[in-house]
Amino acid sequence: MLWCSLRDSLLTSTQEELAVRATSLRAVLSEQSSDRNASEGSLREELIEFGSALPSDFSVEVRDLGGPSLFRTKSTPRNRSVEQIETGQAGGRSYQIKLAMPLAPVGQILLRLSRILLFSIPFAVLAASLGGLWLGKRALKPVTEMAFAAKAIGSGDLSSRLPVPASRDELSLLAQMWNEMLGRL
């Protein structure tokens, strides 16, 4: 349950990070498209600047839906990745934005948690077992003492009595009843 909750949280935060980056990229496209003096070359420069500010393992691609790719980072996440693809319009042009980031950091965190749980659970079970054994012996100590005292009372000497615990619980009641029965014999 802990593992699944952490995984979901990490994936959600990854998706949120991609959404924030996509919003920033849409703002760059909108700003460049609204500037009447901006050329396609200045748009590419802005996209290159945007891409250089991203972590090296992020992948970004911006395509003009009516034409070629305007910008693409050199890096693409290896293996599994989280992707976000959006389309939008700015300045009368339609764009497709594709962002991706690797899941390797999420996998590393989950692997670390799995190892911690794998090694800590046996210790927790051992500690719980030892604690239960100690509590059980402590709880049954008066019963054991009463059993040895009852065994020591011989058939010829009924004057001995069981020790009555001061706890005022079922065991003290049992010892009192036992002693009363011995008194009647």
N, C-alpha and C. Protein backbone atom coordinates (compact mmCIF):
# COMPACT_ATOMS: atom_id res chain seq x y z
N MET A 1 0.82 -1.18 0.00
CA MET A 1 0.00 0.00 0.00
C MET A 1 0.87 1.25 0.00
N LEU A 2 1.88 1.27 0.84
CA LEU A 2 2.81 2.40 0.89
C LEU A 2 3.50 2.57 -0.46
N TRP A 3 3.93 1.46 -1.03
CA TRP A 3 4.63 1.49 -2.31
C TRP A 3 3.72 2.05 -3.40
N CYS A 4 2.49 1.58 -3.46
CA CYS A 4 1.54 2.04 -4.48
C CYS A 4 1.21 3.52 -4.29
N SER A 5 1.04 3.93 -3.06
CA SER A 5 0.74 5.33 -2.78
C SER A 5 1.90 6.24 -3.20
N LEU A 6 3.11 5.82 -2.89
CA LEU A 6 4.29 6.61 -3.29
C LEU A 6 4.41 6.64 -4.81
N ARG A 7 4.20 5.51 -5.47
CA ARG A 7 4.27 5.47 -6.92
C ARG A 7 3.26 6.43 -7.55
N ASP A 8 2.03 6.38 -7.06
CA ASP A 8 0.99 7.27 -7.60
C ASP A 8 1.35 8.73 -7.36
N SER A 9 1.88 9.02 -6.20
CA SER A 9 2.27 10.40 -5.88
C SER A 9 3.40 10.87 -6.79
N LEU A 10 4.40 10.02 -7.01
CA LEU A 10 5.52 10.40 -7.87
C LEU A 10 5.07 10.59 -9.32
N LEU A 11 4.21 9.71 -9.80
CA LEU A 11 3.71 9.84 -11.17
C LEU A 11 2.85 11.10 -11.33
N THR A 12 2.06 11.40 -10.32
CA THR A 12 1.24 12.61 -10.36
C THR A 12 2.12 13.85 -10.39
N SER A 13 3.15 13.88 -9.55
CA SER A 13 4.04 15.05 -9.54
C SER A 13 4.80 15.17 -10.86
N THR A 14 5.13 14.03 -11.49
CA THR A 14 5.79 14.06 -12.79
C THR A 14 4.85 14.64 -13.84
N GLN A 15 3.60 14.20 -13.82
CA GLN A 15 2.60 14.74 -14.77
C GLN A 15 2.40 16.23 -14.54
N GLU A 16 2.36 16.64 -13.27
CA GLU A 16 2.18 18.06 -12.97
C GLU A 16 3.37 18.88 -13.47
N GLU A 17 4.57 18.35 -13.31
CA GLU A 17 5.75 19.06 -13.81
C GLU A 17 5.69 19.21 -15.33
N LEU A 18 5.29 18.16 -16.01
CA LEU A 18 5.15 18.26 -17.47
C LEU A 18 4.08 19.28 -17.85
N ALA A 19 2.99 19.32 -17.11
CA ALA A 19 1.92 20.29 -17.41
C ALA A 19 2.41 21.72 -17.22
N VAL A 20 3.21 21.95 -16.19
CA VAL A 20 3.77 23.29 -15.95
C VAL A 20 4.71 23.67 -17.09
N ARG A 21 5.53 22.73 -17.51
CA ARG A 21 6.46 23.01 -18.62
C ARG A 21 5.68 23.27 -19.92
N ALA A 22 4.61 22.52 -20.13
CA ALA A 22 3.80 22.72 -21.34
C ALA A 22 3.15 24.10 -21.31
N THR A 23 2.69 24.52 -20.15
CA THR A 23 2.09 25.85 -20.02
C THR A 23 3.12 26.93 -20.33
N SER A 24 4.32 26.76 -19.81
CA SER A 24 5.39 27.73 -20.10
C SER A 24 5.71 27.76 -21.58
N LEU A 25 5.75 26.61 -22.20
CA LEU A 25 6.05 26.54 -23.63
C LEU A 25 4.93 27.18 -24.46
N ARG A 26 3.69 26.95 -24.07
CA ARG A 26 2.57 27.60 -24.76
C ARG A 26 2.67 29.12 -24.63
N ALA A 27 3.11 29.59 -23.47
CA ALA A 27 3.26 31.04 -23.27
C ALA A 27 4.34 31.59 -24.20
N VAL A 28 5.44 30.87 -24.36
CA VAL A 28 6.50 31.30 -25.28
C VAL A 28 5.96 31.36 -26.70
N LEU A 29 5.24 30.32 -27.11
CA LEU A 29 4.66 30.30 -28.47
C LEU A 29 3.67 31.44 -28.66
N SER A 30 2.84 31.68 -27.68
CA SER A 30 1.84 32.73 -27.78
C SER A 30 2.50 34.10 -27.86
N GLU A 31 3.51 34.29 -27.03
CA GLU A 31 4.22 35.57 -27.02
C GLU A 31 4.91 35.83 -28.35
N GLN A 32 5.57 34.82 -28.87
CA GLN A 32 6.27 34.97 -30.14
C GLN A 32 5.30 35.15 -31.29
N SER A 33 4.18 34.45 -31.24
CA SER A 33 3.21 34.54 -32.33
C SER A 33 2.48 35.88 -32.32
N SER A 34 2.32 36.49 -31.15
CA SER A 34 1.61 37.76 -31.06
C SER A 34 2.52 38.93 -31.45
N ASP A 35 3.83 38.72 -31.40
CA ASP A 35 4.77 39.77 -31.80
C ASP A 35 4.83 39.81 -33.33
N ARG A 36 4.36 40.90 -33.90
CA ARG A 36 4.29 41.00 -35.36
C ARG A 36 5.68 41.09 -36.00
N ASN A 37 6.66 41.54 -35.23
CA ASN A 37 8.01 41.68 -35.77
C ASN A 37 8.82 40.39 -35.63
N ALA A 38 8.27 39.40 -34.93
CA ALA A 38 9.01 38.16 -34.69
C ALA A 38 9.02 37.30 -35.95
N SER A 39 10.18 36.77 -36.24
CA SER A 39 10.31 35.87 -37.39
C SER A 39 10.34 34.43 -36.91
N GLU A 40 10.31 33.52 -37.85
CA GLU A 40 10.40 32.11 -37.49
C GLU A 40 11.76 31.82 -36.85
N GLY A 41 12.79 32.54 -37.27
CA GLY A 41 14.12 32.38 -36.68
C GLY A 41 14.15 32.80 -35.23
N SER A 42 13.46 33.88 -34.89
CA SER A 42 13.42 34.31 -33.48
C SER A 42 12.60 33.33 -32.64
N LEU A 43 11.56 32.75 -33.26
CA LEU A 43 10.79 31.72 -32.55
C LEU A 43 11.69 30.53 -32.25
N ARG A 44 12.48 30.11 -33.22
CA ARG A 44 13.40 28.99 -32.98
C ARG A 44 14.40 29.33 -31.89
N GLU A 45 14.90 30.57 -31.87
CA GLU A 45 15.85 30.98 -30.82
C GLU A 45 15.20 30.91 -29.45
N GLU A 46 13.96 31.38 -29.35
CA GLU A 46 13.24 31.31 -28.08
C GLU A 46 13.03 29.85 -27.66
N LEU A 47 12.71 29.00 -28.61
CA LEU A 47 12.51 27.58 -28.29
C LEU A 47 13.81 26.93 -27.87
N ILE A 48 14.92 27.30 -28.51
CA ILE A 48 16.23 26.77 -28.12
C ILE A 48 16.56 27.22 -26.70
N GLU A 49 16.27 28.48 -26.40
CA GLU A 49 16.52 29.00 -25.05
C GLU A 49 15.65 28.26 -24.04
N PHE A 50 14.38 28.03 -24.40
CA PHE A 50 13.49 27.29 -23.52
C PHE A 50 14.03 25.88 -23.28
N GLY A 51 14.45 25.21 -24.35
CA GLY A 51 14.97 23.85 -24.25
C GLY A 51 16.25 23.76 -23.43
N SER A 52 17.09 24.80 -23.51
CA SER A 52 18.35 24.77 -22.76
C SER A 52 18.12 24.92 -21.26
N ALA A 53 16.99 25.50 -20.87
CA ALA A 53 16.67 25.67 -19.44
C ALA A 53 16.10 24.39 -18.82
N LEU A 54 15.75 23.43 -19.65
CA LEU A 54 15.19 22.17 -19.15
C LEU A 54 16.29 21.23 -18.68
N PRO A 55 15.97 20.33 -17.77
CA PRO A 55 16.95 19.29 -17.42
C PRO A 55 17.36 18.50 -18.66
N SER A 56 18.55 17.96 -18.63
CA SER A 56 19.10 17.31 -19.82
C SER A 56 18.32 16.08 -20.26
N ASP A 57 17.59 15.45 -19.35
CA ASP A 57 16.87 14.24 -19.73
C ASP A 57 15.43 14.51 -20.19
N PHE A 58 15.04 15.77 -20.27
CA PHE A 58 13.74 16.13 -20.82
C PHE A 58 13.79 16.10 -22.33
N SER A 59 12.67 15.81 -22.94
CA SER A 59 12.56 15.84 -24.39
C SER A 59 11.42 16.77 -24.75
N VAL A 60 11.68 17.67 -25.70
CA VAL A 60 10.66 18.61 -26.15
C VAL A 60 10.66 18.61 -27.67
N GLU A 61 9.46 18.60 -28.23
CA GLU A 61 9.32 18.75 -29.67
C GLU A 61 8.13 19.67 -29.92
N VAL A 62 8.36 20.66 -30.78
CA VAL A 62 7.30 21.58 -31.18
C VAL A 62 7.16 21.47 -32.69
N ARG A 63 5.95 21.17 -33.12
CA ARG A 63 5.67 21.02 -34.55
C ARG A 63 4.61 22.02 -34.95
N ASP A 64 4.80 22.57 -36.11
CA ASP A 64 3.75 23.36 -36.75
C ASP A 64 2.88 22.34 -37.46
N LEU A 65 1.60 22.27 -37.09
CA LEU A 65 0.74 21.23 -37.67
C LEU A 65 0.62 21.36 -39.18
N GLY A 66 0.90 22.55 -39.69
CA GLY A 66 0.83 22.73 -41.13
C GLY A 66 2.18 22.56 -41.80
N GLY A 67 3.20 22.22 -41.03
CA GLY A 67 4.53 22.14 -41.63
C GLY A 67 5.47 21.27 -40.81
N PRO A 68 6.77 21.56 -40.92
CA PRO A 68 7.77 20.71 -40.28
C PRO A 68 7.91 20.98 -38.78
N SER A 69 8.79 20.21 -38.20
CA SER A 69 9.11 20.38 -36.79
C SER A 69 9.87 21.70 -36.62
N LEU A 70 9.43 22.51 -35.67
CA LEU A 70 10.09 23.79 -35.41
C LEU A 70 11.26 23.63 -34.45
N PHE A 71 11.12 22.71 -33.51
CA PHE A 71 12.17 22.54 -32.51
C PHE A 71 12.08 21.13 -31.93
N ARG A 72 13.24 20.57 -31.66
CA ARG A 72 13.32 19.26 -31.02
C ARG A 72 14.62 19.21 -30.23
N THR A 73 14.51 18.79 -28.96
CA THR A 73 15.74 18.65 -28.16
C THR A 73 16.50 17.44 -28.65
N LYS A 74 17.78 17.45 -28.37
CA LYS A 74 18.61 16.33 -28.82
C LYS A 74 18.37 15.09 -27.98
N SER A 75 18.04 15.30 -26.72
CA SER A 75 17.87 14.13 -25.84
C SER A 75 16.45 13.62 -25.91
N THR A 76 16.36 12.32 -25.87
CA THR A 76 15.05 11.68 -25.72
C THR A 76 15.20 10.68 -24.60
N PRO A 77 14.22 10.63 -23.70
CA PRO A 77 14.33 9.71 -22.57
C PRO A 77 14.45 8.27 -23.04
N ARG A 78 15.37 7.56 -22.43
CA ARG A 78 15.54 6.13 -22.74
C ARG A 78 14.52 5.32 -21.96
N ASN A 79 14.23 4.17 -22.50
CA ASN A 79 13.28 3.25 -21.87
C ASN A 79 11.93 3.91 -21.68
N ARG A 80 11.37 3.70 -20.53
CA ARG A 80 10.03 4.21 -20.26
C ARG A 80 10.06 5.69 -19.93
N SER A 81 9.04 6.39 -20.36
CA SER A 81 8.96 7.81 -20.05
C SER A 81 7.50 8.23 -19.92
N VAL A 82 7.31 9.40 -19.35
CA VAL A 82 5.99 9.99 -19.24
C VAL A 82 5.91 11.06 -20.32
N GLU A 83 4.86 11.03 -21.10
CA GLU A 83 4.72 12.00 -22.18
C GLU A 83 3.47 12.83 -21.99
N GLN A 84 3.56 14.05 -22.50
CA GLN A 84 2.39 14.92 -22.54
C GLN A 84 2.37 15.55 -23.92
N ILE A 85 1.29 15.34 -24.64
CA ILE A 85 1.15 15.88 -25.99
C ILE A 85 -0.05 16.82 -25.98
N GLU A 86 0.18 18.04 -26.43
CA GLU A 86 -0.88 19.03 -26.47
C GLU A 86 -0.87 19.72 -27.82
N THR A 87 -2.02 20.18 -28.22
CA THR A 87 -2.10 21.00 -29.42
C THR A 87 -2.71 22.33 -29.02
N GLY A 88 -2.34 23.35 -29.75
CA GLY A 88 -2.86 24.68 -29.45
C GLY A 88 -2.64 25.61 -30.62
N GLN A 89 -3.19 26.77 -30.51
CA GLN A 89 -3.04 27.76 -31.56
C GLN A 89 -2.45 29.03 -30.97
N ALA A 90 -1.62 29.66 -31.77
CA ALA A 90 -1.05 30.94 -31.39
C ALA A 90 -0.74 31.69 -32.68
N GLY A 91 -1.23 32.92 -32.78
CA GLY A 91 -0.95 33.74 -33.96
C GLY A 91 -1.48 33.15 -35.25
N GLY A 92 -2.58 32.46 -35.17
CA GLY A 92 -3.16 31.88 -36.37
C GLY A 92 -2.52 30.59 -36.83
N ARG A 93 -1.54 30.10 -36.08
CA ARG A 93 -0.88 28.83 -36.45
C ARG A 93 -1.24 27.77 -35.40
N SER A 94 -1.30 26.55 -35.84
CA SER A 94 -1.57 25.42 -34.93
C SER A 94 -0.27 24.70 -34.64
N TYR A 95 -0.09 24.42 -33.36
CA TYR A 95 1.14 23.75 -32.91
C TYR A 95 0.80 22.47 -32.17
N GLN A 96 1.74 21.55 -32.22
CA GLN A 96 1.68 20.36 -31.39
C GLN A 96 2.92 20.40 -30.50
N ILE A 97 2.70 20.28 -29.21
CA ILE A 97 3.78 20.28 -28.23
C ILE A 97 3.87 18.88 -27.64
N LYS A 98 5.05 18.33 -27.67
CA LYS A 98 5.27 17.00 -27.09
C LYS A 98 6.42 17.12 -26.09
N LEU A 99 6.11 16.84 -24.83
CA LEU A 99 7.11 16.85 -23.77
C LEU A 99 7.22 15.44 -23.20
N ALA A 100 8.42 15.06 -22.83
CA ALA A 100 8.62 13.74 -22.23
C ALA A 100 9.74 13.83 -21.21
N MET A 101 9.60 13.04 -20.18
CA MET A 101 10.68 12.92 -19.19
C MET A 101 10.76 11.46 -18.75
N PRO A 102 11.95 11.02 -18.39
CA PRO A 102 12.13 9.60 -18.06
C PRO A 102 11.50 9.23 -16.72
N LEU A 103 11.14 7.97 -16.62
CA LEU A 103 10.61 7.44 -15.36
C LEU A 103 11.71 6.80 -14.51
N ALA A 104 12.94 6.83 -14.97
CA ALA A 104 14.03 6.20 -14.23
C ALA A 104 14.15 6.71 -12.80
N PRO A 105 14.06 8.03 -12.54
CA PRO A 105 14.14 8.48 -11.15
C PRO A 105 13.01 7.92 -10.28
N VAL A 106 11.81 7.83 -10.84
CA VAL A 106 10.69 7.25 -10.10
C VAL A 106 10.98 5.79 -9.79
N GLY A 107 11.48 5.06 -10.79
CA GLY A 107 11.82 3.65 -10.59
C GLY A 107 12.91 3.45 -9.55
N GLN A 108 13.89 4.35 -9.52
CA GLN A 108 14.97 4.25 -8.54
C GLN A 108 14.45 4.47 -7.13
N ILE A 109 13.57 5.45 -6.95
CA ILE A 109 12.99 5.70 -5.63
C ILE A 109 12.17 4.50 -5.18
N LEU A 110 11.36 3.94 -6.08
CA LEU A 110 10.53 2.80 -5.72
C LEU A 110 11.37 1.56 -5.43
N LEU A 111 12.46 1.38 -6.17
CA LEU A 111 13.36 0.26 -5.90
C LEU A 111 14.01 0.41 -4.53
N ARG A 112 14.41 1.62 -4.19
CA ARG A 112 15.01 1.87 -2.88
C ARG A 112 14.00 1.58 -1.76
N LEU A 113 12.76 2.02 -1.95
CA LEU A 113 11.73 1.75 -0.96
C LEU A 113 11.48 0.25 -0.84
N SER A 114 11.46 -0.46 -1.96
CA SER A 114 11.25 -1.91 -1.93
C SER A 114 12.35 -2.60 -1.13
N ARG A 115 13.57 -2.17 -1.33
CA ARG A 115 14.69 -2.77 -0.58
C ARG A 115 14.58 -2.47 0.90
N ILE A 116 14.21 -1.25 1.24
CA ILE A 116 14.05 -0.89 2.66
C ILE A 116 12.98 -1.76 3.29
N LEU A 117 11.84 -1.89 2.61
CA LEU A 117 10.76 -2.71 3.14
C LEU A 117 11.16 -4.17 3.23
N LEU A 118 11.88 -4.66 2.23
CA LEU A 118 12.30 -6.05 2.20
C LEU A 118 13.18 -6.38 3.41
N PHE A 119 14.05 -5.47 3.77
CA PHE A 119 14.95 -5.74 4.89
C PHE A 119 14.37 -5.34 6.24
N SER A 120 13.43 -4.40 6.28
CA SER A 120 12.91 -3.96 7.57
C SER A 120 11.74 -4.82 8.07
N ILE A 121 10.99 -5.42 7.17
CA ILE A 121 9.83 -6.21 7.60
C ILE A 121 10.25 -7.42 8.45
N PRO A 122 11.29 -8.18 8.07
CA PRO A 122 11.68 -9.29 8.95
C PRO A 122 12.10 -8.83 10.35
N PHE A 123 12.77 -7.68 10.43
CA PHE A 123 13.15 -7.16 11.75
C PHE A 123 11.93 -6.74 12.55
N ALA A 124 10.95 -6.16 11.89
CA ALA A 124 9.72 -5.76 12.57
C ALA A 124 8.96 -7.00 13.08
N VAL A 125 8.93 -8.06 12.28
CA VAL A 125 8.27 -9.30 12.70
C VAL A 125 9.00 -9.91 13.88
N LEU A 126 10.33 -9.92 13.83
CA LEU A 126 11.13 -10.45 14.94
C LEU A 126 10.90 -9.64 16.21
N ALA A 127 10.90 -8.31 16.10
CA ALA A 127 10.67 -7.46 17.27
C ALA A 127 9.27 -7.69 17.84
N ALA A 128 8.27 -7.81 16.97
CA ALA A 128 6.91 -8.06 17.44
C ALA A 128 6.81 -9.44 18.11
N SER A 129 7.50 -10.43 17.57
CA SER A 129 7.48 -11.78 18.16
C SER A 129 8.13 -11.78 19.54
N LEU A 130 9.29 -11.15 19.64
CA LEU A 130 9.98 -11.09 20.94
C LEU A 130 9.16 -10.29 21.95
N GLY A 131 8.56 -9.20 21.50
CA GLY A 131 7.71 -8.41 22.40
C GLY A 131 6.50 -9.20 22.86
N GLY A 132 5.88 -9.95 21.94
CA GLY A 132 4.74 -10.79 22.31
C GLY A 132 5.12 -11.89 23.28
N LEU A 133 6.29 -12.49 23.05
CA LEU A 133 6.77 -13.53 23.96
C LEU A 133 7.00 -12.96 25.36
N TRP A 134 7.64 -11.80 25.42
CA TRP A 134 7.91 -11.17 26.71
C TRP A 134 6.60 -10.81 27.43
N LEU A 135 5.65 -10.22 26.69
CA LEU A 135 4.37 -9.85 27.29
C LEU A 135 3.59 -11.09 27.75
N GLY A 136 3.63 -12.14 26.93
CA GLY A 136 2.94 -13.38 27.30
C GLY A 136 3.49 -13.99 28.57
N LYS A 137 4.82 -14.03 28.67
CA LYS A 137 5.43 -14.58 29.89
C LYS A 137 5.09 -13.72 31.10
N ARG A 138 5.11 -12.43 30.92
CA ARG A 138 4.82 -11.53 32.04
C ARG A 138 3.36 -11.66 32.47
N ALA A 139 2.46 -11.79 31.50
CA ALA A 139 1.04 -11.91 31.82
C ALA A 139 0.72 -13.25 32.48
N LEU A 140 1.43 -14.29 32.09
CA LEU A 140 1.15 -15.64 32.64
C LEU A 140 1.98 -15.99 33.86
N LYS A 141 2.85 -15.10 34.29
CA LYS A 141 3.70 -15.39 35.46
C LYS A 141 2.87 -15.70 36.70
N PRO A 142 1.81 -14.93 37.02
CA PRO A 142 1.00 -15.29 38.21
C PRO A 142 0.34 -16.66 38.08
N VAL A 143 -0.08 -17.03 36.88
CA VAL A 143 -0.70 -18.35 36.68
C VAL A 143 0.33 -19.45 36.94
N THR A 144 1.54 -19.25 36.45
CA THR A 144 2.61 -20.23 36.67
C THR A 144 2.92 -20.36 38.16
N GLU A 145 3.01 -19.23 38.86
CA GLU A 145 3.28 -19.26 40.31
C GLU A 145 2.17 -19.98 41.05
N MET A 146 0.92 -19.72 40.65
CA MET A 146 -0.21 -20.39 41.30
C MET A 146 -0.18 -21.90 41.03
N ALA A 147 0.20 -22.29 39.83
CA ALA A 147 0.25 -23.71 39.49
C ALA A 147 1.31 -24.42 40.32
N PHE A 148 2.49 -23.82 40.49
CA PHE A 148 3.54 -24.43 41.31
C PHE A 148 3.14 -24.47 42.79
N ALA A 149 2.46 -23.41 43.26
CA ALA A 149 2.01 -23.40 44.66
C ALA A 149 0.95 -24.47 44.89
N ALA A 150 0.04 -24.64 43.94
CA ALA A 150 -1.01 -25.66 44.07
C ALA A 150 -0.40 -27.05 44.04
N LYS A 151 0.63 -27.24 43.26
CA LYS A 151 1.29 -28.54 43.18
C LYS A 151 2.02 -28.86 44.48
N ALA A 152 2.52 -27.80 45.14
CA ALA A 152 3.28 -28.00 46.38
C ALA A 152 2.38 -28.36 47.55
N ILE A 153 1.11 -28.02 47.44
CA ILE A 153 0.19 -28.35 48.53
C ILE A 153 -0.07 -29.86 48.48
N GLY A 154 0.33 -30.54 49.50
CA GLY A 154 0.17 -31.99 49.53
C GLY A 154 -1.20 -32.38 50.06
N SER A 155 -1.57 -33.65 49.87
CA SER A 155 -2.88 -34.11 50.34
C SER A 155 -2.94 -34.19 51.86
N GLY A 156 -1.79 -34.28 52.51
CA GLY A 156 -1.78 -34.36 53.96
C GLY A 156 -1.72 -33.00 54.62
N ASP A 157 -1.21 -32.00 53.95
CA ASP A 157 -1.06 -30.66 54.52
C ASP A 157 -1.90 -29.68 53.72
N LEU A 158 -3.12 -29.46 54.18
CA LEU A 158 -4.01 -28.55 53.49
C LEU A 158 -4.00 -27.15 54.11
N SER A 159 -3.02 -26.89 54.97
CA SER A 159 -2.94 -25.58 55.62
C SER A 159 -2.25 -24.54 54.74
N SER A 160 -1.50 -24.98 53.75
CA SER A 160 -0.84 -24.03 52.84
C SER A 160 -1.90 -23.37 51.96
N ARG A 161 -1.59 -22.14 51.58
CA ARG A 161 -2.52 -21.40 50.73
C ARG A 161 -1.78 -20.84 49.52
N LEU A 162 -2.56 -20.59 48.48
CA LEU A 162 -1.99 -19.97 47.27
C LEU A 162 -1.76 -18.48 47.52
N PRO A 163 -0.70 -17.93 46.97
CA PRO A 163 -0.51 -16.48 47.10
C PRO A 163 -1.57 -15.75 46.27
N VAL A 164 -2.19 -14.73 46.86
CA VAL A 164 -3.23 -13.97 46.16
C VAL A 164 -2.57 -12.71 45.56
N PRO A 165 -2.59 -12.61 44.23
CA PRO A 165 -2.01 -11.42 43.62
C PRO A 165 -2.75 -10.15 44.04
N ALA A 166 -2.03 -9.05 44.12
CA ALA A 166 -2.63 -7.78 44.55
C ALA A 166 -3.34 -7.07 43.40
N SER A 167 -3.44 -7.70 42.28
CA SER A 167 -3.96 -7.03 41.09
C SER A 167 -5.48 -6.88 41.08
N ARG A 168 -6.21 -7.58 41.89
CA ARG A 168 -7.67 -7.53 41.94
C ARG A 168 -8.30 -7.84 40.58
N ASP A 169 -7.85 -8.90 39.97
CA ASP A 169 -8.40 -9.31 38.69
C ASP A 169 -8.87 -10.76 38.80
N GLU A 170 -9.07 -11.41 37.67
CA GLU A 170 -9.57 -12.78 37.67
C GLU A 170 -8.62 -13.75 38.37
N LEU A 171 -7.33 -13.51 38.25
CA LEU A 171 -6.37 -14.41 38.91
C LEU A 171 -6.44 -14.29 40.42
N SER A 172 -6.59 -13.07 40.93
CA SER A 172 -6.71 -12.94 42.39
C SER A 172 -8.01 -13.57 42.87
N LEU A 173 -9.08 -13.45 42.10
CA LEU A 173 -10.35 -14.09 42.44
C LEU A 173 -10.20 -15.61 42.45
N LEU A 174 -9.49 -16.15 41.44
CA LEU A 174 -9.25 -17.60 41.39
C LEU A 174 -8.45 -18.06 42.60
N ALA A 175 -7.42 -17.32 42.98
CA ALA A 175 -6.61 -17.70 44.15
C ALA A 175 -7.45 -17.65 45.42
N GLN A 176 -8.29 -16.62 45.56
CA GLN A 176 -9.16 -16.53 46.75
C GLN A 176 -10.13 -17.72 46.81
N MET A 177 -10.74 -18.04 45.68
CA MET A 177 -11.70 -19.16 45.65
C MET A 177 -10.99 -20.48 45.95
N TRP A 178 -9.80 -20.65 45.44
CA TRP A 178 -9.02 -21.86 45.68
C TRP A 178 -8.70 -21.98 47.17
N ASN A 179 -8.27 -20.86 47.74
CA ASN A 179 -7.93 -20.86 49.18
C ASN A 179 -9.18 -21.14 50.02
N GLU A 180 -10.34 -20.59 49.65
CA GLU A 180 -11.59 -20.87 50.38
C GLU A 180 -11.95 -22.35 50.28
N MET A 181 -11.75 -22.94 49.09
CA MET A 181 -12.05 -24.36 48.91
C MET A 181 -11.13 -25.20 49.80
N LEU A 182 -9.84 -24.82 49.86
CA LEU A 182 -8.92 -25.54 50.74
C LEU A 182 -9.33 -25.40 52.19
N GLY A 183 -9.82 -24.23 52.55
CA GLY A 183 -10.29 -24.01 53.94
C GLY A 183 -11.47 -24.88 54.28
N ARG A 184 -12.35 -25.13 53.31
CA ARG A 184 -13.51 -25.97 53.57
C ARG A 184 -13.12 -27.45 53.68
N LEU A 185 -12.04 -27.84 53.03
CA LEU A 185 -11.63 -29.24 53.10
C LEU A 185 -10.98 -29.49 54.42
